[in-house]
């Protein structure tokens, strides 16, 4: 089935679970930069690049939904992507990534991703 979204992820569990995922062996910060670059190319954000809480910024994993197609440059989405990188750097300046609980973070990330996909599909069916 052709999806209207891509999953940009550094989570190995997501790579194994979704055929429309783009798996990148990157740190979370590097992943945010990649997402920003894709938004500059015209992909739209479907989910916010940062997690739902400050604690999730210390996760080694993040999965972000982007449109699978490129549209016109969207200044609002670029602003969100740029601000996400700045917020990440500001909030992780004195703390390091929590690799000790990486398996838990991987499971949380895929659960959040599944919820986001379900919500995206629900909203698409309404429109």
C-alpha atoms as a PDB file:
ATOM      1  CA  UNK A   1       0.000   0.000   0.000  1.00  0.00           C
ATOM      2  CA  UNK A   2       1.386   3.382  -0.989  1.00  0.00           C
ATOM      3  CA  UNK A   3       1.667   5.638   2.051  1.00  0.00           C
ATOM      4  CA  UNK A   4       1.526   9.402   1.974  1.00  0.00           C
ATOM      5  CA  UNK A   5       4.162   9.575   4.699  1.00  0.00           C
ATOM      6  CA  UNK A   6       7.736   8.558   5.374  1.00  0.00           C
ATOM      7  CA  UNK A   7       9.102   7.552   8.731  1.00  0.00           C
ATOM      8  CA  UNK A   8      12.521   9.037   9.374  1.00  0.00           C
ATOM      9  CA  UNK A   9      14.037   7.071  12.240  1.00  0.00           C
ATOM     10  CA  UNK A  10      17.145   5.947  14.030  1.00  0.00           C
ATOM     11  CA  UNK A  11      15.208   3.264  15.919  1.00  0.00           C
ATOM     12  CA  UNK A  12      16.138  -0.271  14.767  1.00  0.00           C
ATOM     13  CA  UNK A  13      12.745  -1.656  15.852  1.00  0.00           C
ATOM     14  CA  UNK A  14      10.978   0.799  13.543  1.00  0.00           C
ATOM     15  CA  UNK A  15      13.240  -0.216  10.650  1.00  0.00           C
ATOM     16  CA  UNK A  16      12.165  -3.821  11.133  1.00  0.00           C
ATOM     17  CA  UNK A  17       8.459  -2.974  11.491  1.00  0.00           C
ATOM     18  CA  UNK A  18       7.723  -0.477   8.697  1.00  0.00           C
ATOM     19  CA  UNK A  19       8.534  -0.753   5.001  1.00  0.00           C
ATOM     20  CA  UNK A  20       8.187   2.994   4.457  1.00  0.00           C
ATOM     21  CA  UNK A  21      10.806   3.892   7.036  1.00  0.00           C
ATOM     22  CA  UNK A  22      14.099   5.557   6.257  1.00  0.00           C
ATOM     23  CA  UNK A  23      16.501   4.198   8.830  1.00  0.00           C
ATOM     24  CA  UNK A  24      19.568   6.299   9.566  1.00  0.00           C
ATOM     25  CA  UNK A  25      22.329   5.403  11.996  1.00  0.00           C
ATOM     26  CA  UNK A  26      22.475   8.858  13.519  1.00  0.00           C
ATOM     27  CA  UNK A  27      22.347  10.443  16.926  1.00  0.00           C
ATOM     28  CA  UNK A  28      19.072  12.092  17.832  1.00  0.00           C
ATOM     29  CA  UNK A  29      20.554  15.525  17.125  1.00  0.00           C
ATOM     30  CA  UNK A  30      21.827  14.394  13.716  1.00  0.00           C
ATOM     31  CA  UNK A  31      18.378  12.953  12.971  1.00  0.00           C
ATOM     32  CA  UNK A  32      16.776  16.315  13.788  1.00  0.00           C
ATOM     33  CA  UNK A  33      19.182  17.984  11.349  1.00  0.00           C
ATOM     34  CA  UNK A  34      18.259  15.431   8.653  1.00  0.00           C
ATOM     35  CA  UNK A  35      14.562  16.091   9.249  1.00  0.00           C
ATOM     36  CA  UNK A  36      15.210  19.830   8.991  1.00  0.00           C
ATOM     37  CA  UNK A  37      17.052  19.314   5.702  1.00  0.00           C
ATOM     38  CA  UNK A  38      14.154  17.286   4.305  1.00  0.00           C
ATOM     39  CA  UNK A  39      11.692  20.000   5.366  1.00  0.00           C
ATOM     40  CA  UNK A  40      13.875  22.517   3.509  1.00  0.00           C
ATOM     41  CA  UNK A  41      13.497  20.285   0.439  1.00  0.00           C
ATOM     42  CA  UNK A  42       9.691  20.527   0.684  1.00  0.00           C
ATOM     43  CA  UNK A  43       8.648  17.583   2.831  1.00  0.00           C
ATOM     44  CA  UNK A  44       6.037  18.555   5.409  1.00  0.00           C
ATOM     45  CA  UNK A  45       6.078  17.617   9.064  1.00  0.00           C
ATOM     46  CA  UNK A  46       3.267  15.334  10.132  1.00  0.00           C
ATOM     47  CA  UNK A  47       4.611  14.880  13.649  1.00  0.00           C
ATOM     48  CA  UNK A  48       6.709  17.227  15.716  1.00  0.00           C
ATOM     49  CA  UNK A  49      10.438  16.430  15.528  1.00  0.00           C
ATOM     50  CA  UNK A  50      10.823  16.415  19.325  1.00  0.00           C
ATOM     51  CA  UNK A  51       9.260  13.997  21.770  1.00  0.00           C
ATOM     52  CA  UNK A  52       6.317  14.800  23.989  1.00  0.00           C
ATOM     53  CA  UNK A  53       8.413  15.472  27.073  1.00  0.00           C
ATOM     54  CA  UNK A  54      11.796  16.764  28.176  1.00  0.00           C
ATOM     55  CA  UNK A  55      12.686  13.245  29.347  1.00  0.00           C
ATOM     56  CA  UNK A  56      12.344  11.944  25.778  1.00  0.00           C
ATOM     57  CA  UNK A  57      15.116  14.314  24.689  1.00  0.00           C
ATOM     58  CA  UNK A  58      17.542  11.988  26.457  1.00  0.00           C
ATOM     59  CA  UNK A  59      16.361   9.025  24.408  1.00  0.00           C
ATOM     60  CA  UNK A  60      18.781   7.756  21.786  1.00  0.00           C
ATOM     61  CA  UNK A  61      15.823   7.129  19.417  1.00  0.00           C
ATOM     62  CA  UNK A  62      13.286   9.212  17.576  1.00  0.00           C
ATOM     63  CA  UNK A  63      10.926   8.560  14.696  1.00  0.00           C
ATOM     64  CA  UNK A  64       9.349  11.439  12.787  1.00  0.00           C
ATOM     65  CA  UNK A  65       6.563  11.334  10.209  1.00  0.00           C
ATOM     66  CA  UNK A  66       7.086  13.474   7.109  1.00  0.00           C
ATOM     67  CA  UNK A  67       5.083  13.710   3.910  1.00  0.00           C
ATOM     68  CA  UNK A  68       6.431  11.246   1.357  1.00  0.00           C
ATOM     69  CA  UNK A  69       6.110  13.843  -1.378  1.00  0.00           C
ATOM     70  CA  UNK A  70       7.729  17.235  -1.713  1.00  0.00           C
ATOM     71  CA  UNK A  71       5.597  20.347  -1.845  1.00  0.00           C
ATOM     72  CA  UNK A  72       6.432  24.004  -1.888  1.00  0.00           C
ATOM     73  CA  UNK A  73       8.724  25.390   0.779  1.00  0.00           C
ATOM     74  CA  UNK A  74       6.728  25.704   4.010  1.00  0.00           C
ATOM     75  CA  UNK A  75       8.208  28.388   6.248  1.00  0.00           C
ATOM     76  CA  UNK A  76       6.137  27.299   9.265  1.00  0.00           C
ATOM     77  CA  UNK A  77       7.415  23.717   9.088  1.00  0.00           C
ATOM     78  CA  UNK A  78      10.988  24.930   8.599  1.00  0.00           C
ATOM     79  CA  UNK A  79      10.624  27.104  11.700  1.00  0.00           C
ATOM     80  CA  UNK A  80       9.423  24.121  13.744  1.00  0.00           C
ATOM     81  CA  UNK A  81      12.312  21.971  12.503  1.00  0.00           C
ATOM     82  CA  UNK A  82      14.905  24.692  13.183  1.00  0.00           C
ATOM     83  CA  UNK A  83      13.504  25.435  16.648  1.00  0.00           C
ATOM     84  CA  UNK A  84      13.502  21.733  17.494  1.00  0.00           C
ATOM     85  CA  UNK A  85      17.249  21.543  16.937  1.00  0.00           C
ATOM     86  CA  UNK A  86      17.818  24.625  19.084  1.00  0.00           C
ATOM     87  CA  UNK A  87      15.528  23.326  21.854  1.00  0.00           C
ATOM     88  CA  UNK A  88      17.249  19.946  21.788  1.00  0.00           C
ATOM     89  CA  UNK A  89      20.698  21.519  22.099  1.00  0.00           C
ATOM     90  CA  UNK A  90      19.579  23.885  24.855  1.00  0.00           C
ATOM     91  CA  UNK A  91      17.944  21.130  26.918  1.00  0.00           C
ATOM     92  CA  UNK A  92      20.701  18.540  26.499  1.00  0.00           C
ATOM     93  CA  UNK A  93      23.651  20.886  27.001  1.00  0.00           C
ATOM     94  CA  UNK A  94      24.524  19.460  30.439  1.00  0.00           C
ATOM     95  CA  UNK A  95      23.074  15.957  30.066  1.00  0.00           C
ATOM     96  CA  UNK A  96      23.996  13.059  27.878  1.00  0.00           C
ATOM     97  CA  UNK A  97      21.885  10.539  26.003  1.00  0.00           C
ATOM     98  CA  UNK A  98      20.527   7.755  28.228  1.00  0.00           C
ATOM     99  CA  UNK A  99      21.841   4.597  26.548  1.00  0.00           C
ATOM    100  CA  UNK A 100      21.336   2.590  29.740  1.00  0.00           C
ATOM    101  CA  UNK A 101      17.567   2.462  29.027  1.00  0.00           C
ATOM    102  CA  UNK A 102      17.789   2.387  25.224  1.00  0.00           C
ATOM    103  CA  UNK A 103      15.540  -0.679  24.853  1.00  0.00           C
ATOM    104  CA  UNK A 104      12.799   1.034  26.861  1.00  0.00           C
ATOM    105  CA  UNK A 105      13.182   4.185  24.778  1.00  0.00           C
ATOM    106  CA  UNK A 106      12.965   2.158  21.566  1.00  0.00           C
ATOM    107  CA  UNK A 107       9.662   0.649  22.710  1.00  0.00           C
ATOM    108  CA  UNK A 108       8.276   4.030  23.778  1.00  0.00           C
ATOM    109  CA  UNK A 109       9.276   5.528  20.433  1.00  0.00           C
ATOM    110  CA  UNK A 110       7.488   2.841  18.415  1.00  0.00           C
ATOM    111  CA  UNK A 111       4.386   3.136  20.596  1.00  0.00           C
ATOM    112  CA  UNK A 112       4.302   6.902  20.072  1.00  0.00           C
ATOM    113  CA  UNK A 113       4.870   6.356  16.354  1.00  0.00           C
ATOM    114  CA  UNK A 114       1.986   3.888  16.106  1.00  0.00           C
ATOM    115  CA  UNK A 115      -0.316   6.362  17.848  1.00  0.00           C
ATOM    116  CA  UNK A 116       0.774   9.138  15.493  1.00  0.00           C
ATOM    117  CA  UNK A 117       0.180   6.952  12.430  1.00  0.00           C
ATOM    118  CA  UNK A 118      -3.261   5.940  13.701  1.00  0.00           C
ATOM    119  CA  UNK A 119      -4.157   9.594  14.302  1.00  0.00           C
ATOM    120  CA  UNK A 120      -2.843  10.605  10.878  1.00  0.00           C
ATOM    121  CA  UNK A 121      -4.904   7.871   9.193  1.00  0.00           C
ATOM    122  CA  UNK A 122      -8.001   8.836  11.200  1.00  0.00           C
ATOM    123  CA  UNK A 123      -7.675  12.494  10.221  1.00  0.00           C
ATOM    124  CA  UNK A 124      -7.129  11.545   6.576  1.00  0.00           C
ATOM    125  CA  UNK A 125     -10.340   9.505   6.566  1.00  0.00           C
ATOM    126  CA  UNK A 126     -12.294  12.491   7.930  1.00  0.00           C
ATOM    127  CA  UNK A 127     -11.022  14.838   5.228  1.00  0.00           C
END
